[in-house]
Amino acid sequence: MINVKVKCFSQVKYALGVDVLTFEVDENTTSIDLEKIIRERAGEKLNDVSLRIAINQKYQKEEIALQDGDEVVFIPPVQGG
């Protein structure tokens, strides 16, 4: 098992009600697997929200295997007004 930290911003923070989550996941867990976990935990609140993924402050365009201690951020579209 490995531990990863998820930082929550904007719609993700609203949907989950927290700033930071820590997950203990299997060693072969990927960024896409973790996104599924986040979406399940959020219920329907993130259904229509596209998310970009950053791991250790680097945007990821493809699925990537997570490592122990990774910091993951799911970034919703930028909002302004």
PDB file of N, CA and C in Angstrom:
ATOM      1  N   MET A   1       0.839  -1.183   0.000  1.00  0.00           N
ATOM      2  CA  MET A   1       0.000   0.000   0.000  1.00  0.00           C
ATOM      3  C   MET A   1       0.885   1.247   0.000  1.00  0.00           C
ATOM      4  N   ILE A   2       0.357   2.294  -0.630  1.00  0.00           N
ATOM      5  CA  ILE A   2       1.044   3.580  -0.657  1.00  0.00           C
ATOM      6  C   ILE A   2       0.091   4.665  -0.160  1.00  0.00           C
ATOM      7  N   ASN A   3       0.655   5.789   0.260  1.00  0.00           N
ATOM      8  CA  ASN A   3      -0.150   6.930   0.691  1.00  0.00           C
ATOM      9  C   ASN A   3       0.024   8.068  -0.298  1.00  0.00           C
ATOM     10  N   VAL A   4      -1.105   8.672  -0.693  1.00  0.00           N
ATOM     11  CA  VAL A   4      -1.078   9.854  -1.551  1.00  0.00           C
ATOM     12  C   VAL A   4      -1.944  10.933  -0.925  1.00  0.00           C
ATOM     13  N   LYS A   5      -1.530  12.178  -1.142  1.00  0.00           N
ATOM     14  CA  LYS A   5      -2.275  13.323  -0.620  1.00  0.00           C
ATOM     15  C   LYS A   5      -3.003  13.987  -1.781  1.00  0.00           C
ATOM     16  N   VAL A   6      -4.281  14.281  -1.595  1.00  0.00           N
ATOM     17  CA  VAL A   6      -5.069  14.980  -2.603  1.00  0.00           C
ATOM     18  C   VAL A   6      -5.428  16.350  -2.058  1.00  0.00           C
ATOM     19  N   LYS A   7      -5.003  17.397  -2.777  1.00  0.00           N
ATOM     20  CA  LYS A   7      -5.390  18.763  -2.427  1.00  0.00           C
ATOM     21  C   LYS A   7      -6.629  19.121  -3.227  1.00  0.00           C
ATOM     22  N   CYS A   8      -7.596  19.738  -2.561  1.00  0.00           N
ATOM     23  CA  CYS A   8      -8.883  20.035  -3.183  1.00  0.00           C
ATOM     24  C   CYS A   8      -9.066  21.539  -3.348  1.00  0.00           C
ATOM     25  N   PHE A   9      -9.411  21.956  -4.550  1.00  0.00           N
ATOM     26  CA  PHE A   9      -9.664  23.356  -4.857  1.00  0.00           C
ATOM     27  C   PHE A   9     -11.019  23.500  -5.540  1.00  0.00           C
ATOM     28  N   SER A  10     -11.580  24.684  -5.448  1.00  0.00           N
ATOM     29  CA  SER A  10     -12.766  25.077  -6.200  1.00  0.00           C
ATOM     30  C   SER A  10     -13.891  24.037  -6.102  1.00  0.00           C
ATOM     31  N   GLN A  11     -14.379  23.564  -7.240  1.00  0.00           N
ATOM     32  CA  GLN A  11     -15.512  22.643  -7.254  1.00  0.00           C
ATOM     33  C   GLN A  11     -15.211  21.322  -6.547  1.00  0.00           C
ATOM     34  N   VAL A  12     -13.970  20.881  -6.599  1.00  0.00           N
ATOM     35  CA  VAL A  12     -13.602  19.640  -5.918  1.00  0.00           C
ATOM     36  C   VAL A  12     -13.705  19.835  -4.406  1.00  0.00           C
ATOM     37  N   LYS A  13     -13.218  20.958  -3.926  1.00  0.00           N
ATOM     38  CA  LYS A  13     -13.310  21.282  -2.502  1.00  0.00           C
ATOM     39  C   LYS A  13     -14.775  21.378  -2.065  1.00  0.00           C
ATOM     40  N   TYR A  14     -15.592  22.039  -2.863  1.00  0.00           N
ATOM     41  CA  TYR A  14     -17.018  22.156  -2.561  1.00  0.00           C
ATOM     42  C   TYR A  14     -17.685  20.774  -2.537  1.00  0.00           C
ATOM     43  N   ALA A  15     -17.369  19.947  -3.525  1.00  0.00           N
ATOM     44  CA  ALA A  15     -18.009  18.634  -3.638  1.00  0.00           C
ATOM     45  C   ALA A  15     -17.639  17.710  -2.484  1.00  0.00           C
ATOM     46  N   LEU A  16     -16.384  17.797  -2.024  1.00  0.00           N
ATOM     47  CA  LEU A  16     -15.912  16.889  -0.979  1.00  0.00           C
ATOM     48  C   LEU A  16     -15.973  17.498   0.417  1.00  0.00           C
ATOM     49  N   GLY A  17     -16.019  18.829   0.491  1.00  0.00           N
ATOM     50  CA  GLY A  17     -16.120  19.500   1.775  1.00  0.00           C
ATOM     51  C   GLY A  17     -14.834  19.563   2.576  1.00  0.00           C
ATOM     52  N   VAL A  18     -13.687  19.334   1.908  1.00  0.00           N
ATOM     53  CA  VAL A  18     -12.396  19.377   2.604  1.00  0.00           C
ATOM     54  C   VAL A  18     -11.326  19.997   1.705  1.00  0.00           C
ATOM     55  N   ASP A  19     -10.240  20.451   2.328  1.00  0.00           N
ATOM     56  CA  ASP A  19      -9.105  21.014   1.585  1.00  0.00           C
ATOM     57  C   ASP A  19      -8.109  19.942   1.158  1.00  0.00           C
ATOM     58  N   VAL A  20      -7.919  18.940   2.023  1.00  0.00           N
ATOM     59  CA  VAL A  20      -6.900  17.921   1.790  1.00  0.00           C
ATOM     60  C   VAL A  20      -7.434  16.558   2.232  1.00  0.00           C
ATOM     61  N   LEU A  21      -7.141  15.555   1.433  1.00  0.00           N
ATOM     62  CA  LEU A  21      -7.460  14.166   1.780  1.00  0.00           C
ATOM     63  C   LEU A  21      -6.191  13.338   1.651  1.00  0.00           C
ATOM     64  N   THR A  22      -6.066  12.316   2.477  1.00  0.00           N
ATOM     65  CA  THR A  22      -4.979  11.358   2.334  1.00  0.00           C
ATOM     66  C   THR A  22      -5.591   9.994   2.092  1.00  0.00           C
ATOM     67  N   PHE A  23      -5.092   9.316   1.077  1.00  0.00           N
ATOM     68  CA  PHE A  23      -5.602   7.997   0.722  1.00  0.00           C
ATOM     69  C   PHE A  23      -4.499   6.960   0.833  1.00  0.00           C
ATOM     70  N   GLU A  24      -4.861   5.809   1.333  1.00  0.00           N
ATOM     71  CA  GLU A  24      -3.985   4.649   1.280  1.00  0.00           C
ATOM     72  C   GLU A  24      -4.540   3.767   0.168  1.00  0.00           C
ATOM     73  N   VAL A  25      -3.748   3.578  -0.885  1.00  0.00           N
ATOM     74  CA  VAL A  25      -4.206   2.847  -2.064  1.00  0.00           C
ATOM     75  C   VAL A  25      -3.200   1.758  -2.416  1.00  0.00           C
ATOM     76  N   ASP A  26      -3.619   0.844  -3.275  1.00  0.00           N
ATOM     77  CA  ASP A  26      -2.732  -0.220  -3.738  1.00  0.00           C
ATOM     78  C   ASP A  26      -1.556   0.362  -4.515  1.00  0.00           C
ATOM     79  N   GLU A  27      -0.452  -0.350  -4.529  1.00  0.00           N
ATOM     80  CA  GLU A  27       0.762   0.120  -5.199  1.00  0.00           C
ATOM     81  C   GLU A  27       0.584   0.314  -6.694  1.00  0.00           C
ATOM     82  N   ASN A  28      -0.353  -0.381  -7.317  1.00  0.00           N
ATOM     83  CA  ASN A  28      -0.534  -0.251  -8.764  1.00  0.00           C
ATOM     84  C   ASN A  28      -1.649   0.737  -9.131  1.00  0.00           C
ATOM     85  N   THR A  29      -2.044   1.603  -8.206  1.00  0.00           N
ATOM     86  CA  THR A  29      -3.090   2.588  -8.460  1.00  0.00           C
ATOM     87  C   THR A  29      -2.563   3.680  -9.384  1.00  0.00           C
ATOM     88  N   THR A  30      -3.401   4.083 -10.340  1.00  0.00           N
ATOM     89  CA  THR A  30      -3.024   5.125 -11.291  1.00  0.00           C
ATOM     90  C   THR A  30      -3.785   6.420 -10.998  1.00  0.00           C
ATOM     91  N   SER A  31      -3.387   7.465 -11.699  1.00  0.00           N
ATOM     92  CA  SER A  31      -4.070   8.752 -11.562  1.00  0.00           C
ATOM     93  C   SER A  31      -5.544   8.631 -11.950  1.00  0.00           C
ATOM     94  N   ILE A  32      -5.848   7.838 -12.940  1.00  0.00           N
ATOM     95  CA  ILE A  32      -7.238   7.651 -13.374  1.00  0.00           C
ATOM     96  C   ILE A  32      -8.022   6.898 -12.307  1.00  0.00           C
ATOM     97  N   ASP A  33      -7.406   5.905 -11.686  1.00  0.00           N
ATOM     98  CA  ASP A  33      -8.059   5.177 -10.591  1.00  0.00           C
ATOM     99  C   ASP A  33      -8.409   6.132  -9.452  1.00  0.00           C
ATOM    100  N   LEU A  34      -7.479   7.018  -9.120  1.00  0.00           N
ATOM    101  CA  LEU A  34      -7.714   7.964  -8.030  1.00  0.00           C
ATOM    102  C   LEU A  34      -8.812   8.958  -8.403  1.00  0.00           C
ATOM    103  N   GLU A  35      -8.855   9.376  -9.658  1.00  0.00           N
ATOM    104  CA  GLU A  35      -9.935  10.270 -10.092  1.00  0.00           C
ATOM    105  C   GLU A  35     -11.293   9.585  -9.920  1.00  0.00           C
ATOM    106  N   LYS A  36     -11.369   8.304 -10.235  1.00  0.00           N
ATOM    107  CA  LYS A  36     -12.623   7.556 -10.043  1.00  0.00           C
ATOM    108  C   LYS A  36     -13.024   7.541  -8.576  1.00  0.00           C
ATOM    109  N   ILE A  37     -12.062   7.360  -7.693  1.00  0.00           N
ATOM    110  CA  ILE A  37     -12.332   7.358  -6.248  1.00  0.00           C
ATOM    111  C   ILE A  37     -12.870   8.720  -5.816  1.00  0.00           C
ATOM    112  N   ILE A  38     -12.251   9.782  -6.293  1.00  0.00           N
ATOM    113  CA  ILE A  38     -12.689  11.144  -5.952  1.00  0.00           C
ATOM    114  C   ILE A  38     -14.099  11.393  -6.467  1.00  0.00           C
ATOM    115  N   ARG A  39     -14.367  11.007  -7.691  1.00  0.00           N
ATOM    116  CA  ARG A  39     -15.696  11.223  -8.264  1.00  0.00           C
ATOM    117  C   ARG A  39     -16.766  10.418  -7.514  1.00  0.00           C
ATOM    118  N   GLU A  40     -16.443   9.192  -7.123  1.00  0.00           N
ATOM    119  CA  GLU A  40     -17.399   8.382  -6.347  1.00  0.00           C
ATOM    120  C   GLU A  40     -17.687   9.040  -5.003  1.00  0.00           C
ATOM    121  N   ARG A  41     -16.647   9.536  -4.356  1.00  0.00           N
ATOM    122  CA  ARG A  41     -16.807  10.176  -3.052  1.00  0.00           C
ATOM    123  C   ARG A  41     -17.638  11.452  -3.157  1.00  0.00           C
ATOM    124  N   ALA A  42     -17.564  12.136  -4.296  1.00  0.00           N
ATOM    125  CA  ALA A  42     -18.290  13.389  -4.501  1.00  0.00           C
ATOM    126  C   ALA A  42     -19.752  13.171  -4.897  1.00  0.00           C
ATOM    127  N   GLY A  43     -20.122  11.929  -5.138  1.00  0.00           N
ATOM    128  CA  GLY A  43     -21.487  11.669  -5.588  1.00  0.00           C
ATOM    129  C   GLY A  43     -21.671  12.241  -6.986  1.00  0.00           C
ATOM    130  N   GLU A  44     -22.752  12.949  -7.196  1.00  0.00           N
ATOM    131  CA  GLU A  44     -23.033  13.519  -8.517  1.00  0.00           C
ATOM    132  C   GLU A  44     -22.495  14.936  -8.684  1.00  0.00           C
ATOM    133  N   LYS A  45     -21.859  15.481  -7.677  1.00  0.00           N
ATOM    134  CA  LYS A  45     -21.443  16.881  -7.698  1.00  0.00           C
ATOM    135  C   LYS A  45     -20.364  17.198  -8.736  1.00  0.00           C
ATOM    136  N   LEU A  46     -19.624  16.208  -9.189  1.00  0.00           N
ATOM    137  CA  LEU A  46     -18.573  16.453 -10.183  1.00  0.00           C
ATOM    138  C   LEU A  46     -18.885  15.823 -11.537  1.00  0.00           C
ATOM    139  N   ASN A  47     -20.117  15.355 -11.727  1.00  0.00           N
ATOM    140  CA  ASN A  47     -20.477  14.652 -12.959  1.00  0.00           C
ATOM    141  C   ASN A  47     -20.185  15.454 -14.222  1.00  0.00           C
ATOM    142  N   ASP A  48     -20.479  16.732 -14.233  1.00  0.00           N
ATOM    143  CA  ASP A  48     -20.310  17.551 -15.431  1.00  0.00           C
ATOM    144  C   ASP A  48     -19.053  18.409 -15.383  1.00  0.00           C
ATOM    145  N   VAL A  49     -18.112  18.044 -14.526  1.00  0.00           N
ATOM    146  CA  VAL A  49     -16.893  18.841 -14.351  1.00  0.00           C
ATOM    147  C   VAL A  49     -15.703  18.065 -14.923  1.00  0.00           C
ATOM    148  N   SER A  50     -15.024  18.681 -15.896  1.00  0.00           N
ATOM    149  CA  SER A  50     -13.803  18.061 -16.396  1.00  0.00           C
ATOM    150  C   SER A  50     -12.660  18.454 -15.458  1.00  0.00           C
ATOM    151  N   LEU A  51     -11.783  17.523 -15.210  1.00  0.00           N
ATOM    152  CA  LEU A  51     -10.692  17.766 -14.271  1.00  0.00           C
ATOM    153  C   LEU A  51      -9.356  17.514 -14.946  1.00  0.00           C
ATOM    154  N   ARG A  52      -8.408  18.414 -14.718  1.00  0.00           N
ATOM    155  CA  ARG A  52      -7.017  18.166 -15.094  1.00  0.00           C
ATOM    156  C   ARG A  52      -6.320  17.625 -13.857  1.00  0.00           C
ATOM    157  N   ILE A  53      -5.282  16.857 -14.065  1.00  0.00           N
ATOM    158  CA  ILE A  53      -4.572  16.234 -12.957  1.00  0.00           C
ATOM    159  C   ILE A  53      -3.135  16.741 -12.925  1.00  0.00           C
ATOM    160  N   ALA A  54      -2.702  17.153 -11.730  1.00  0.00           N
ATOM    161  CA  ALA A  54      -1.300  17.490 -11.512  1.00  0.00           C
ATOM    162  C   ALA A  54      -0.776  16.580 -10.402  1.00  0.00           C
ATOM    163  N   ILE A  55       0.389  16.035 -10.627  1.00  0.00           N
ATOM    164  CA  ILE A  55       1.030  15.192  -9.623  1.00  0.00           C
ATOM    165  C   ILE A  55       2.384  15.819  -9.306  1.00  0.00           C
ATOM    166  N   ASN A  56       2.570  16.111  -8.018  1.00  0.00           N
ATOM    167  CA  ASN A  56       3.801  16.766  -7.573  1.00  0.00           C
ATOM    168  C   ASN A  56       4.072  18.038  -8.379  1.00  0.00           C
ATOM    169  N   GLN A  57       3.006  18.814  -8.580  1.00  0.00           N
ATOM    170  CA  GLN A  57       3.040  20.124  -9.226  1.00  0.00           C
ATOM    171  C   GLN A  57       3.364  20.073 -10.716  1.00  0.00           C
ATOM    172  N   LYS A  58       3.149  18.926 -11.362  1.00  0.00           N
ATOM    173  CA  LYS A  58       3.345  18.804 -12.808  1.00  0.00           C
ATOM    174  C   LYS A  58       2.069  18.252 -13.423  1.00  0.00           C
ATOM    175  N   TYR A  59       1.552  18.984 -14.419  1.00  0.00           N
ATOM    176  CA  TYR A  59       0.364  18.504 -15.119  1.00  0.00           C
ATOM    177  C   TYR A  59       0.659  17.184 -15.816  1.00  0.00           C
ATOM    178  N   GLN A  60      -0.324  16.290 -15.780  1.00  0.00           N
ATOM    179  CA  GLN A  60      -0.195  14.992 -16.429  1.00  0.00           C
ATOM    180  C   GLN A  60      -1.223  14.899 -17.552  1.00  0.00           C
ATOM    181  N   LYS A  61      -0.768  14.581 -18.742  1.00  0.00           N
ATOM    182  CA  LYS A  61      -1.688  14.423 -19.870  1.00  0.00           C
ATOM    183  C   LYS A  61      -2.139  12.978 -20.016  1.00  0.00           C
ATOM    184  N   GLU A  62      -1.375  12.068 -19.463  1.00  0.00           N
ATOM    185  CA  GLU A  62      -1.673  10.647 -19.591  1.00  0.00           C
ATOM    186  C   GLU A  62      -1.791  10.016 -18.213  1.00  0.00           C
ATOM    187  N   GLU A  63      -2.366   8.850 -18.194  1.00  0.00           N
ATOM    188  CA  GLU A  63      -2.476   8.085 -16.953  1.00  0.00           C
ATOM    189  C   GLU A  63      -1.073   7.763 -16.452  1.00  0.00           C
ATOM    190  N   ILE A  64      -0.880   7.899 -15.152  1.00  0.00           N
ATOM    191  CA  ILE A  64       0.439   7.672 -14.559  1.00  0.00           C
ATOM    192  C   ILE A  64       0.270   6.862 -13.277  1.00  0.00           C
ATOM    193  N   ALA A  65       1.202   5.960 -13.021  1.00  0.00           N
ATOM    194  CA  ALA A  65       1.181   5.186 -11.784  1.00  0.00           C
ATOM    195  C   ALA A  65       1.570   6.088 -10.623  1.00  0.00           C
ATOM    196  N   LEU A  66       0.827   6.008  -9.547  1.00  0.00           N
ATOM    197  CA  LEU A  66       1.109   6.822  -8.366  1.00  0.00           C
ATOM    198  C   LEU A  66       2.201   6.178  -7.529  1.00  0.00           C
ATOM    199  N   GLN A  67       2.970   7.033  -6.860  1.00  0.00           N
ATOM    200  CA  GLN A  67       4.048   6.583  -5.990  1.00  0.00           C
ATOM    201  C   GLN A  67       3.758   7.022  -4.560  1.00  0.00           C
ATOM    202  N   ASP A  68       4.340   6.320  -3.600  1.00  0.00           N
ATOM    203  CA  ASP A  68       4.151   6.671  -2.195  1.00  0.00           C
ATOM    204  C   ASP A  68       4.588   8.112  -1.957  1.00  0.00           C
ATOM    205  N   GLY A  69       3.731   8.900  -1.323  1.00  0.00           N
ATOM    206  CA  GLY A  69       4.044  10.276  -0.996  1.00  0.00           C
ATOM    207  C   GLY A  69       3.659  11.291  -2.059  1.00  0.00           C
ATOM    208  N   ASP A  70       3.097  10.841  -3.183  1.00  0.00           N
ATOM    209  CA  ASP A  70       2.699  11.785  -4.225  1.00  0.00           C
ATOM    210  C   ASP A  70       1.650  12.763  -3.710  1.00  0.00           C
ATOM    211  N   GLU A  71       1.714  13.987  -4.245  1.00  0.00           N
ATOM    212  CA  GLU A  71       0.703  15.008  -3.985  1.00  0.00           C
ATOM    213  C   GLU A  71      -0.084  15.183  -5.281  1.00  0.00           C
ATOM    214  N   VAL A  72      -1.383  14.943  -5.212  1.00  0.00           N
ATOM    215  CA  VAL A  72      -2.232  14.972  -6.389  1.00  0.00           C
ATOM    216  C   VAL A  72      -3.224  16.118  -6.257  1.00  0.00           C
ATOM    217  N   VAL A  73      -3.400  16.851  -7.351  1.00  0.00           N
ATOM    218  CA  VAL A  73      -4.374  17.936  -7.375  1.00  0.00           C
ATOM    219  C   VAL A  73      -5.263  17.715  -8.594  1.00  0.00           C
ATOM    220  N   PHE A  74      -6.566  17.745  -8.371  1.00  0.00           N
ATOM    221  CA  PHE A  74      -7.536  17.687  -9.455  1.00  0.00           C
ATOM    222  C   PHE A  74      -8.007  19.110  -9.702  1.00  0.00           C
ATOM    223  N   ILE A  75      -7.754  19.617 -10.883  1.00  0.00           N
ATOM    224  CA  ILE A  75      -7.974  21.024 -11.184  1.00  0.00           C
ATOM    225  C   ILE A  75      -9.189  21.170 -12.101  1.00  0.00           C
ATOM    226  N   PRO A  76     -10.243  21.793 -11.582  1.00  0.00           N
ATOM    227  CA  PRO A  76     -11.415  22.055 -12.424  1.00  0.00           C
ATOM    228  C   PRO A  76     -11.134  23.233 -13.358  1.00  0.00           C
ATOM    229  N   PRO A  77     -12.022  23.466 -14.314  1.00  0.00           N
ATOM    230  CA  PRO A  77     -11.830  24.613 -15.210  1.00  0.00           C
ATOM    231  C   PRO A  77     -11.759  25.913 -14.399  1.00  0.00           C
ATOM    232  N   VAL A  78     -10.972  26.851 -14.905  1.00  0.00           N
ATOM    233  CA  VAL A  78     -10.823  28.141 -14.247  1.00  0.00           C
ATOM    234  C   VAL A  78     -12.144  28.896 -14.348  1.00  0.00           C
ATOM    235  N   GLN A  79     -12.535  29.493 -13.233  1.00  0.00           N
ATOM    236  CA  GLN A  79     -13.769  30.268 -13.208  1.00  0.00           C
ATOM    237  C   GLN A  79     -13.419  31.726 -12.983  1.00  0.00           C
ATOM    238  N   GLY A  80     -14.185  32.581 -13.566  1.00  0.00           N
ATOM    239  CA  GLY A  80     -13.935  33.997 -13.387  1.00  0.00           C
ATOM    240  C   GLY A  80     -15.234  34.769 -13.470  1.00  0.00           C
ATOM    241  N   GLY A  81     -15.134  36.026 -13.296  1.00  0.00           N
ATOM    242  CA  GLY A  81     -16.372  36.783 -13.396  1.00  0.00           C
ATOM    243  C   GLY A  81     -16.211  38.229 -13.132  1.00  0.00           C
TER     244      GLY A  81
END
